[in-house]
Amino acid sequence: MIERKKGLSRRELLAGAAAFTVACSARSASEPEYDLLLKGGHLIDPRNGLSVVRDVAVHDGKVAAVEEAIDPGRAFKVVECHGLYVTPGLIDLHVHVFAGTNERGSYAGDNSLYPDAHTFRSGVTTVLDAGCAGWRNFETFRETVISRSRTRVLALANIVGHGMRGGDIEQDLADMEAAPTTALAREHSEVIVGVKTAHYAGPDWYPVEEAVRAGEAVGIPVMVDFGASLPERPIETLLGEKLRPGDIYTHCFAGNRRELLEDGTPNPGLFAGRERGVTFDVGHGAGSFKWSVAAKCLEAGFPPDSISTDLHFASMNAGMESQITTMSKFLALGESLDDVIRQSTWNPARQILREELGHLSVGATADIAVLRKETGEFGYVDSFGARHDGTEKLVCEMTFKDGRLVWDPNGRTRQDWRELPFDYERQGEPRWDGILHRQRS
């Protein structure tokens, strides 16, 4: 006869539970403390004054450690970065990404581009849509683009209620209202970081003044695309009187609005505006960056505060091309790599009052770009079809958004297939891989 075994005593149960707890603790202790380790790269982190070789460790989407040397055994995934530059994820302060409405000739339509196809390959993890939507159509923009993008999309609310839809719509003073724009910005404060006024061709100051009223009410900056150059509203008055400290003048090297005087010297109004606290953004675009203006301004000690693309359907296939190409143009004009990284990370984060972005402090969101600097003979083209030669070019090797890989064209994070079983399956692991193991939103 088989004897039925008696149940465990209370003492035995407690002893077993204790042993299980000890075993689990030992197993947890043996687990790597970091999900990802970027090893041996040259870290450029302007907020923290770092331009030196450092290891950067990531855990749970945050920067966990920045040290001279971190033991690879402490990380689940180690990526070799010797000879590369590790920077905060780039911030493109001027894009147009309200795509999908099928409206012809509109930046709330066909002129815009979905962001994810253009950001990560250039090291960009955050973009600022520059006023495609106003209070009448922002909800559509948020639902169809912002909430569905892997790129972090922030926005400027256009002072025009219908947004940047072109033609007479953007000239309608009756649709430029501070009150509903203010209400919109407050309701969507997690994504709306400023107000935009753009493309106005009339002689009065009403669009700028109404945008400033909205910005003042919410405590956010105004970005101005100044439209046509008119004697009734000179750039000197805009920068010296109308804009507040912290407001942003975009297309600063366009040359269309008397940024240079007739003798080829920079307009003193630019310097006066900067002295007052106005900041200056490149906004390259398809018609807003001229070599002669940028070179003269840099020679005179007037660099941009932020480098941005003015990304849209025309600029991406013309001389602008991408954020990283636009940064390379400023290397060709004599700026240092540290300069262009600062102008593409920490500076724009401060301009839009989002200082949780643009740096790799311990505890910060692990948005990271890993760049390579090539040397050779390169040609760069401005918005007017003129070439400038350069000897340096930036290339994005890897991009990490929230600590997970989203761009790796040369497979630097991957294992050679010949080292794997012939029937290998999907590689990578969700804790660091956002390409093959994309998390559902």
Protein backbone atom coordinates (compact mmCIF):
# COMPACT_ATOMS: atom_id res chain seq x y z
CA MET A 1 0.00 0.00 0.00
CA ILE A 2 1.26 3.43 -0.87
CA GLU A 3 1.47 5.68 2.14
CA ARG A 4 0.08 9.21 1.64
CA LYS A 5 2.70 11.81 2.56
CA LYS A 6 1.72 14.19 5.32
CA GLY A 7 1.56 17.95 4.64
CA LEU A 8 4.47 20.17 5.58
CA SER A 9 4.61 21.58 9.07
CA ARG A 10 4.48 25.32 9.73
CA ARG A 11 8.20 25.26 10.55
CA GLU A 12 8.99 23.55 7.26
CA LEU A 13 6.82 26.02 5.33
CA LEU A 14 8.57 29.01 6.91
CA ALA A 15 11.98 27.49 6.28
CA GLY A 16 11.10 26.85 2.64
CA ALA A 17 9.82 30.38 2.18
CA ALA A 18 13.01 31.78 3.65
CA ALA A 19 15.14 29.62 1.37
CA PHE A 20 13.11 30.73 -1.67
CA THR A 21 13.55 34.38 -0.69
CA VAL A 22 17.30 33.93 -0.34
CA ALA A 23 17.48 32.18 -3.72
CA CYS A 24 15.48 34.95 -5.40
CA SER A 25 17.67 37.61 -3.82
CA ALA A 26 20.78 35.85 -5.06
CA ARG A 27 19.31 35.57 -8.54
CA SER A 28 18.32 39.26 -8.54
CA ALA A 29 21.77 40.23 -7.35
CA SER A 30 23.29 38.38 -10.30
CA GLU A 31 21.11 40.24 -12.81
CA PRO A 32 22.91 43.14 -14.58
CA GLU A 33 21.97 46.47 -13.03
CA TYR A 34 22.01 48.31 -16.38
CA ASP A 35 19.99 47.50 -19.49
CA LEU A 36 22.46 49.19 -21.83
CA LEU A 37 26.03 50.43 -21.68
CA LEU A 38 27.53 52.74 -24.31
CA LYS A 39 31.23 52.25 -23.81
CA GLY A 40 34.21 54.38 -24.72
CA GLY A 41 32.50 57.14 -26.71
CA HIS A 42 33.40 60.82 -26.60
CA LEU A 43 30.51 62.30 -24.61
CA ILE A 44 29.43 65.85 -25.51
CA ASP A 45 26.90 67.06 -22.97
CA PRO A 46 26.83 70.88 -23.00
CA ARG A 47 24.49 71.25 -20.02
CA ASN A 48 26.99 69.46 -17.81
CA GLY A 49 30.08 70.97 -19.45
CA LEU A 50 31.34 67.59 -20.65
CA SER A 51 33.34 66.95 -23.80
CA VAL A 52 35.41 63.93 -22.83
CA VAL A 53 35.48 60.14 -23.14
CA ARG A 54 32.87 58.64 -20.83
CA ASP A 55 30.80 55.48 -20.45
CA VAL A 56 27.04 56.00 -20.31
CA ALA A 57 24.75 53.43 -18.69
CA VAL A 58 20.97 53.23 -19.10
CA HIS A 59 18.31 51.51 -17.04
CA ASP A 60 14.54 51.58 -17.47
CA GLY A 61 14.69 54.35 -20.06
CA LYS A 62 16.78 56.71 -17.91
CA VAL A 63 20.45 57.61 -17.73
CA ALA A 64 21.69 55.54 -14.80
CA ALA A 65 25.40 56.39 -14.70
CA VAL A 66 28.02 58.51 -16.48
CA GLU A 67 31.53 57.49 -15.49
CA GLU A 68 35.08 57.27 -16.82
CA ALA A 69 34.85 53.49 -16.86
CA ILE A 70 31.91 51.18 -16.11
CA ASP A 71 32.43 47.43 -15.81
CA PRO A 72 30.78 45.78 -18.85
CA GLY A 73 29.66 42.94 -16.59
CA ARG A 74 27.19 45.32 -14.95
CA ALA A 75 25.19 45.74 -18.19
CA PHE A 76 22.84 43.42 -20.06
CA LYS A 77 23.87 44.93 -23.43
CA VAL A 78 27.22 46.60 -24.17
CA VAL A 79 27.70 48.71 -27.29
CA GLU A 80 31.22 49.71 -28.28
CA CYS A 81 31.44 53.44 -29.09
CA HIS A 82 35.20 54.08 -29.34
CA GLY A 83 35.88 56.71 -32.01
CA LEU A 84 32.27 57.92 -31.94
CA TYR A 85 30.53 60.88 -30.29
CA VAL A 86 27.77 60.28 -27.77
CA THR A 87 25.37 63.20 -27.37
CA PRO A 88 21.91 63.90 -26.03
CA GLY A 89 19.17 63.13 -28.53
CA LEU A 90 19.01 66.03 -30.98
CA ILE A 91 16.17 68.54 -30.81
CA ASP A 92 14.94 69.99 -34.12
CA LEU A 93 13.30 73.27 -33.13
CA HIS A 94 11.49 73.94 -36.42
CA VAL A 95 9.62 71.27 -38.39
CA HIS A 96 6.26 70.82 -40.13
CA VAL A 97 4.69 67.45 -39.35
CA PHE A 98 0.89 67.93 -39.52
CA ALA A 99 0.56 65.40 -42.35
CA GLY A 100 -2.35 63.24 -43.39
CA THR A 101 -5.20 65.67 -44.05
CA ASN A 102 -4.63 65.59 -47.83
CA GLU A 103 -5.05 69.35 -48.09
CA ARG A 104 -3.10 70.67 -51.07
CA GLY A 105 -0.53 73.43 -50.59
CA SER A 106 -0.99 73.42 -46.82
CA TYR A 107 1.31 72.86 -43.86
CA ALA A 108 -1.76 71.39 -42.20
CA GLY A 109 -1.68 68.91 -45.05
CA ASP A 110 0.45 67.91 -48.03
CA ASN A 111 3.39 70.22 -47.28
CA SER A 112 4.06 68.46 -43.96
CA LEU A 113 5.79 65.14 -43.32
CA TYR A 114 5.24 62.41 -40.75
CA PRO A 115 8.16 62.79 -38.32
CA ASP A 116 9.36 59.23 -37.70
CA ALA A 117 10.59 58.76 -41.27
CA HIS A 118 13.01 61.68 -40.90
CA THR A 119 14.06 62.00 -37.27
CA PHE A 120 15.82 58.95 -35.87
CA ARG A 121 18.10 58.50 -38.90
CA SER A 122 19.43 61.99 -38.14
CA GLY A 123 19.86 61.52 -34.38
CA VAL A 124 16.73 63.56 -33.63
CA THR A 125 14.48 62.37 -30.80
CA THR A 126 12.41 65.54 -30.24
CA VAL A 127 10.86 67.92 -32.79
CA LEU A 128 8.92 71.15 -32.48
CA ASP A 129 6.13 71.58 -34.98
CA ALA A 130 6.31 75.27 -35.91
CA GLY A 131 2.69 76.33 -35.95
CA CYS A 132 0.97 74.04 -38.45
CA ALA A 133 -2.19 74.00 -36.33
CA GLY A 134 -4.18 76.65 -34.52
CA TRP A 135 -6.99 76.36 -32.00
CA ARG A 136 -9.51 75.27 -34.65
CA ASN A 137 -7.59 72.19 -35.84
CA PHE A 138 -5.07 71.31 -33.14
CA GLU A 139 -7.16 68.44 -31.76
CA THR A 140 -6.94 66.73 -35.16
CA PHE A 141 -3.17 67.25 -35.25
CA ARG A 142 -2.74 65.80 -31.78
CA GLU A 143 -4.86 62.75 -32.51
CA THR A 144 -3.53 61.90 -35.97
CA VAL A 145 0.19 62.74 -35.58
CA ILE A 146 1.40 63.70 -32.10
CA SER A 147 -0.19 60.78 -30.25
CA ARG A 148 0.90 58.24 -32.89
CA SER A 149 4.54 59.24 -33.33
CA ARG A 150 7.48 57.54 -31.70
CA THR A 151 9.37 60.81 -32.04
CA ARG A 152 8.58 63.22 -29.23
CA VAL A 153 6.47 65.86 -30.98
CA LEU A 154 6.01 69.21 -29.25
CA ALA A 155 4.18 72.09 -30.89
CA LEU A 156 3.74 75.81 -31.29
CA ALA A 157 0.11 76.93 -31.47
CA ASN A 158 -0.43 79.17 -34.49
CA ILE A 159 -2.06 82.48 -33.61
CA VAL A 160 -4.19 81.89 -36.73
CA GLY A 161 -7.07 79.70 -35.62
CA HIS A 162 -7.01 77.67 -38.84
CA GLY A 163 -3.25 77.23 -38.65
CA MET A 164 -0.70 77.30 -41.44
CA ARG A 165 -2.97 76.54 -44.35
CA GLY A 166 -1.58 79.14 -46.74
CA GLY A 167 -2.99 81.96 -48.83
CA ASP A 168 -5.69 84.22 -47.48
CA ILE A 169 -6.17 81.99 -44.42
CA GLU A 170 -2.86 83.18 -42.98
CA GLN A 171 -3.64 86.83 -43.75
CA ASP A 172 -7.02 86.89 -41.98
CA LEU A 173 -6.59 89.21 -38.99
CA ALA A 174 -10.04 88.27 -37.73
CA ASP A 175 -8.83 84.69 -37.15
CA MET A 176 -5.81 85.80 -35.09
CA GLU A 177 -7.02 85.70 -31.50
CA ALA A 178 -5.04 85.51 -28.28
CA ALA A 179 -7.93 84.27 -26.09
CA PRO A 180 -8.68 80.91 -27.79
CA THR A 181 -4.96 80.37 -28.42
CA THR A 182 -4.31 80.86 -24.72
CA ALA A 183 -7.07 78.41 -23.80
CA LEU A 184 -5.65 75.84 -26.24
CA ALA A 185 -2.13 76.16 -24.86
CA ARG A 186 -3.36 75.69 -21.31
CA GLU A 187 -5.45 72.65 -22.22
CA HIS A 188 -2.53 70.98 -24.03
CA SER A 189 0.33 72.30 -21.90
CA GLU A 190 2.17 68.98 -21.98
CA VAL A 191 2.79 69.36 -25.73
CA ILE A 192 2.22 73.03 -26.61
CA VAL A 193 5.37 74.92 -25.65
CA GLY A 194 4.93 78.21 -27.50
CA VAL A 195 2.97 80.36 -29.95
CA LYS A 196 3.78 80.95 -33.62
CA THR A 197 3.09 83.83 -35.96
CA ALA A 198 4.18 83.38 -39.56
CA HIS A 199 3.91 84.48 -43.19
CA TYR A 200 1.95 87.66 -42.58
CA ALA A 201 2.39 90.10 -45.47
CA GLY A 202 0.49 93.12 -44.16
CA PRO A 203 1.99 96.37 -42.82
CA ASP A 204 0.71 96.22 -39.22
CA TRP A 205 1.94 94.57 -36.04
CA TYR A 206 -1.31 92.91 -35.01
CA PRO A 207 -0.26 89.24 -35.56
CA VAL A 208 2.94 89.70 -33.52
CA GLU A 209 1.18 91.62 -30.77
CA GLU A 210 -1.64 89.08 -30.50
CA ALA A 211 0.83 86.18 -30.41
CA VAL A 212 2.78 87.93 -27.65
CA ARG A 213 -0.44 88.44 -25.68
CA ALA A 214 -1.12 84.70 -25.82
CA GLY A 215 2.47 83.83 -24.93
CA GLU A 216 2.43 86.27 -22.04
CA ALA A 217 -0.80 84.84 -20.66
CA VAL A 218 0.54 81.29 -20.57
CA GLY A 219 4.20 82.04 -19.85
CA ILE A 220 5.55 80.48 -23.04
CA PRO A 221 7.72 81.89 -25.85
CA VAL A 222 6.63 83.19 -29.23
CA MET A 223 8.39 82.16 -32.44
CA VAL A 224 8.20 84.64 -35.32
CA ASP A 225 8.58 83.88 -39.01
CA PHE A 226 8.49 87.54 -39.97
CA GLY A 227 6.98 87.21 -43.44
CA ALA A 228 7.60 90.02 -45.89
CA SER A 229 10.08 92.83 -45.20
CA LEU A 230 8.13 96.08 -45.04
CA PRO A 231 9.26 99.59 -44.06
CA GLU A 232 6.22 99.93 -41.79
CA ARG A 233 7.44 97.07 -39.60
CA PRO A 234 11.24 96.86 -39.67
CA ILE A 235 13.16 94.01 -38.10
CA GLU A 236 14.83 96.45 -35.71
CA THR A 237 11.45 97.25 -34.13
CA LEU A 238 10.47 93.59 -33.96
CA LEU A 239 13.67 92.61 -32.12
CA GLY A 240 14.09 95.79 -30.14
CA GLU A 241 10.54 96.45 -28.98
CA LYS A 242 7.88 93.90 -29.90
CA LEU A 243 9.42 90.59 -28.83
CA ARG A 244 10.12 89.70 -25.21
CA PRO A 245 13.23 88.11 -23.70
CA GLY A 246 12.98 84.41 -24.52
CA ASP A 247 10.99 84.85 -27.73
CA ILE A 248 12.47 83.25 -30.86
CA TYR A 249 13.31 84.80 -34.23
CA THR A 250 13.49 81.96 -36.76
CA HIS A 251 15.02 82.01 -40.28
CA CYS A 252 17.74 84.21 -38.82
CA PHE A 253 20.11 83.68 -41.78
CA ALA A 254 17.56 83.99 -44.57
CA GLY A 255 18.58 87.45 -45.69
CA ASN A 256 15.02 88.27 -46.74
CA ARG A 257 14.27 90.74 -43.95
CA ARG A 258 17.37 92.94 -43.78
CA GLU A 259 19.41 90.60 -41.59
CA LEU A 260 22.31 92.10 -43.57
CA LEU A 261 22.57 95.78 -44.42
CA GLU A 262 23.34 97.08 -47.90
CA ASP A 263 27.09 97.06 -47.15
CA GLY A 264 26.99 93.35 -46.25
CA THR A 265 27.38 93.81 -42.50
CA PRO A 266 24.91 92.25 -40.00
CA ASN A 267 22.03 94.47 -39.00
CA PRO A 268 22.78 95.97 -35.56
CA GLY A 269 19.19 95.10 -34.68
CA LEU A 270 20.24 91.44 -34.43
CA PHE A 271 22.76 92.23 -31.72
CA ALA A 272 20.31 94.54 -29.94
CA GLY A 273 17.69 91.80 -29.94
CA ARG A 274 20.11 89.26 -28.50
CA GLU A 275 21.12 91.76 -25.84
CA ARG A 276 17.43 92.03 -24.86
CA GLY A 277 17.18 88.23 -24.61
CA VAL A 278 15.58 87.34 -27.96
CA THR A 279 16.96 84.02 -29.25
CA PHE A 280 17.78 83.16 -32.87
CA ASP A 281 16.94 79.96 -34.72
CA VAL A 282 18.24 78.82 -38.12
CA GLY A 283 15.05 77.32 -39.61
CA HIS A 284 16.91 76.36 -42.81
CA GLY A 285 13.97 75.29 -44.99
CA ALA A 286 13.74 75.59 -48.75
CA GLY A 287 14.11 79.38 -48.82
CA SER A 288 15.52 80.60 -45.52
CA PHE A 289 19.25 79.87 -45.34
CA LYS A 290 21.85 81.78 -47.34
CA TRP A 291 25.59 81.15 -47.09
CA SER A 292 26.50 84.83 -47.42
CA VAL A 293 24.24 85.83 -44.53
CA ALA A 294 25.31 83.00 -42.22
CA ALA A 295 29.02 83.50 -42.95
CA LYS A 296 28.90 87.26 -42.40
CA CYS A 297 26.98 86.86 -39.14
CA LEU A 298 29.34 84.21 -37.78
CA GLU A 299 32.37 86.28 -38.75
CA ALA A 300 30.86 89.18 -36.81
CA GLY A 301 30.35 87.04 -33.70
CA PHE A 302 26.66 86.30 -34.19
CA PRO A 303 26.11 82.52 -34.16
CA PRO A 304 22.62 80.98 -33.95
CA ASP A 305 21.16 79.89 -30.64
CA SER A 306 19.60 76.83 -32.28
CA ILE A 307 20.16 74.88 -35.48
CA SER A 308 16.94 73.59 -37.03
CA THR A 309 15.72 72.30 -40.36
CA ASP A 310 12.30 73.77 -41.16
CA LEU A 311 11.56 70.24 -42.35
CA HIS A 312 8.83 69.94 -44.96
CA PHE A 313 8.19 68.24 -48.31
CA ALA A 314 10.33 70.71 -50.29
CA SER A 315 13.27 71.28 -47.96
CA MET A 316 14.06 67.59 -47.36
CA ASN A 317 14.86 66.97 -51.04
CA ALA A 318 16.68 70.28 -51.55
CA GLY A 319 19.79 71.68 -49.94
CA MET A 320 18.57 71.34 -46.36
CA GLU A 321 18.22 67.53 -46.39
CA SER A 322 18.26 66.81 -42.63
CA GLN A 323 19.15 68.04 -39.15
CA ILE A 324 22.53 66.36 -39.21
CA THR A 325 23.37 67.82 -42.64
CA THR A 326 22.37 71.28 -41.41
CA MET A 327 24.68 70.83 -38.42
CA SER A 328 27.48 69.79 -40.78
CA LYS A 329 27.04 73.09 -42.63
CA PHE A 330 27.93 74.97 -39.49
CA LEU A 331 31.06 72.85 -39.09
CA ALA A 332 31.91 73.96 -42.63
CA LEU A 333 31.39 77.59 -41.53
CA GLY A 334 33.93 77.17 -38.75
CA GLU A 335 31.90 76.27 -35.69
CA SER A 336 33.23 73.54 -33.42
CA LEU A 337 31.50 70.21 -32.91
CA ASP A 338 30.78 71.21 -29.33
CA ASP A 339 29.07 74.36 -30.67
CA VAL A 340 26.74 72.55 -33.05
CA ILE A 341 25.84 69.91 -30.46
CA ARG A 342 24.94 72.63 -27.95
CA GLN A 343 22.85 74.41 -30.61
CA SER A 344 21.00 71.14 -31.32
CA THR A 345 20.44 69.89 -27.76
CA TRP A 346 20.67 72.01 -24.63
CA ASN A 347 20.05 75.41 -26.24
CA PRO A 348 16.74 74.44 -27.90
CA ALA A 349 15.62 72.66 -24.73
CA ARG A 350 16.05 75.91 -22.84
CA GLN A 351 14.40 77.97 -25.58
CA ILE A 352 11.16 75.98 -25.20
CA LEU A 353 11.43 75.75 -21.41
CA ARG A 354 11.80 71.96 -21.44
CA GLU A 355 15.01 71.60 -19.49
CA GLU A 356 14.34 67.95 -18.74
CA LEU A 357 15.48 67.38 -22.34
CA GLY A 358 18.74 68.00 -24.15
CA HIS A 359 21.20 66.52 -21.66
CA LEU A 360 22.44 63.21 -20.24
CA SER A 361 22.47 63.91 -16.51
CA VAL A 362 21.90 60.89 -14.29
CA GLY A 363 18.14 60.44 -14.03
CA ALA A 364 17.41 62.17 -17.35
CA THR A 365 15.42 60.49 -20.12
CA ALA A 366 17.85 58.36 -22.14
CA ASP A 367 17.43 60.03 -25.53
CA ILE A 368 20.85 59.54 -27.08
CA ALA A 369 22.49 60.12 -30.46
CA VAL A 370 25.74 58.38 -31.40
CA LEU A 371 27.50 60.26 -34.20
CA ARG A 372 30.51 59.72 -36.42
CA LYS A 373 32.50 62.62 -37.87
CA GLU A 374 33.90 61.92 -41.32
CA THR A 375 36.69 63.92 -42.90
CA GLY A 376 37.03 64.39 -46.64
CA GLU A 377 35.74 66.62 -49.40
CA PHE A 378 32.05 67.47 -49.08
CA GLY A 379 29.75 69.97 -50.74
CA TYR A 380 26.77 71.62 -49.04
CA VAL A 381 24.00 73.60 -50.71
CA ASP A 382 21.96 76.47 -49.26
CA SER A 383 18.31 77.32 -49.91
CA PHE A 384 19.25 79.40 -52.97
CA GLY A 385 21.27 76.73 -54.78
CA ALA A 386 24.75 77.97 -53.83
CA ARG A 387 27.44 75.48 -52.77
CA HIS A 388 29.92 75.71 -49.89
CA ASP A 389 32.73 73.16 -49.56
CA GLY A 390 33.56 71.48 -46.27
CA THR A 391 36.00 68.93 -44.91
CA GLU A 392 33.81 67.45 -42.16
CA LYS A 393 30.51 65.61 -42.20
CA LEU A 394 28.39 64.22 -39.39
CA VAL A 395 26.74 60.81 -39.76
CA CYS A 396 24.32 59.24 -37.30
CA GLU A 397 25.43 55.75 -36.32
CA MET A 398 22.80 55.03 -33.66
CA THR A 399 19.83 56.70 -32.03
CA PHE A 400 18.21 55.67 -28.75
CA LYS A 401 14.80 56.99 -27.71
CA ASP A 402 13.82 56.44 -24.07
CA GLY A 403 16.79 54.09 -23.77
CA ARG A 404 15.82 51.87 -26.70
CA LEU A 405 17.50 51.55 -30.06
CA VAL A 406 15.59 53.14 -32.94
CA TRP A 407 18.34 53.59 -35.58
CA ASP A 408 21.39 51.42 -36.30
CA PRO A 409 22.15 51.35 -40.05
CA ASN A 410 25.53 49.64 -39.66
CA GLY A 411 24.36 47.05 -37.16
CA ARG A 412 26.72 48.19 -34.40
CA THR A 413 24.44 46.62 -31.81
CA ARG A 414 24.04 43.35 -33.75
CA GLN A 415 25.86 40.02 -33.84
CA ASP A 416 27.37 38.62 -37.04
CA TRP A 417 24.99 36.01 -38.47
CA ARG A 418 27.85 33.54 -38.85
CA GLU A 419 28.19 33.45 -35.07
CA LEU A 420 24.54 32.45 -34.69
CA PRO A 421 22.79 29.11 -35.25
CA PHE A 422 21.75 28.63 -38.87
CA ASP A 423 18.08 28.73 -37.79
CA TYR A 424 18.43 31.91 -35.71
CA GLU A 425 15.33 33.88 -34.94
CA ARG A 426 14.63 37.51 -34.02
CA GLN A 427 17.64 39.03 -32.26
CA GLY A 428 17.81 41.77 -29.64
CA GLU A 429 15.86 42.14 -26.40
CA PRO A 430 13.03 44.49 -25.41
CA ARG A 431 14.92 46.19 -22.62
CA TRP A 432 17.24 47.92 -25.14
CA ASP A 433 15.97 47.11 -28.64
CA GLY A 434 13.18 49.32 -30.01
CA ILE A 435 13.56 48.23 -33.64
CA LEU A 436 12.94 44.48 -33.66
CA HIS A 437 11.15 44.60 -30.30
CA ARG A 438 9.06 47.71 -30.67
CA GLN A 439 6.76 48.24 -27.71
CA ARG A 440 3.10 48.77 -28.42
CA SER A 441 1.89 52.27 -27.58
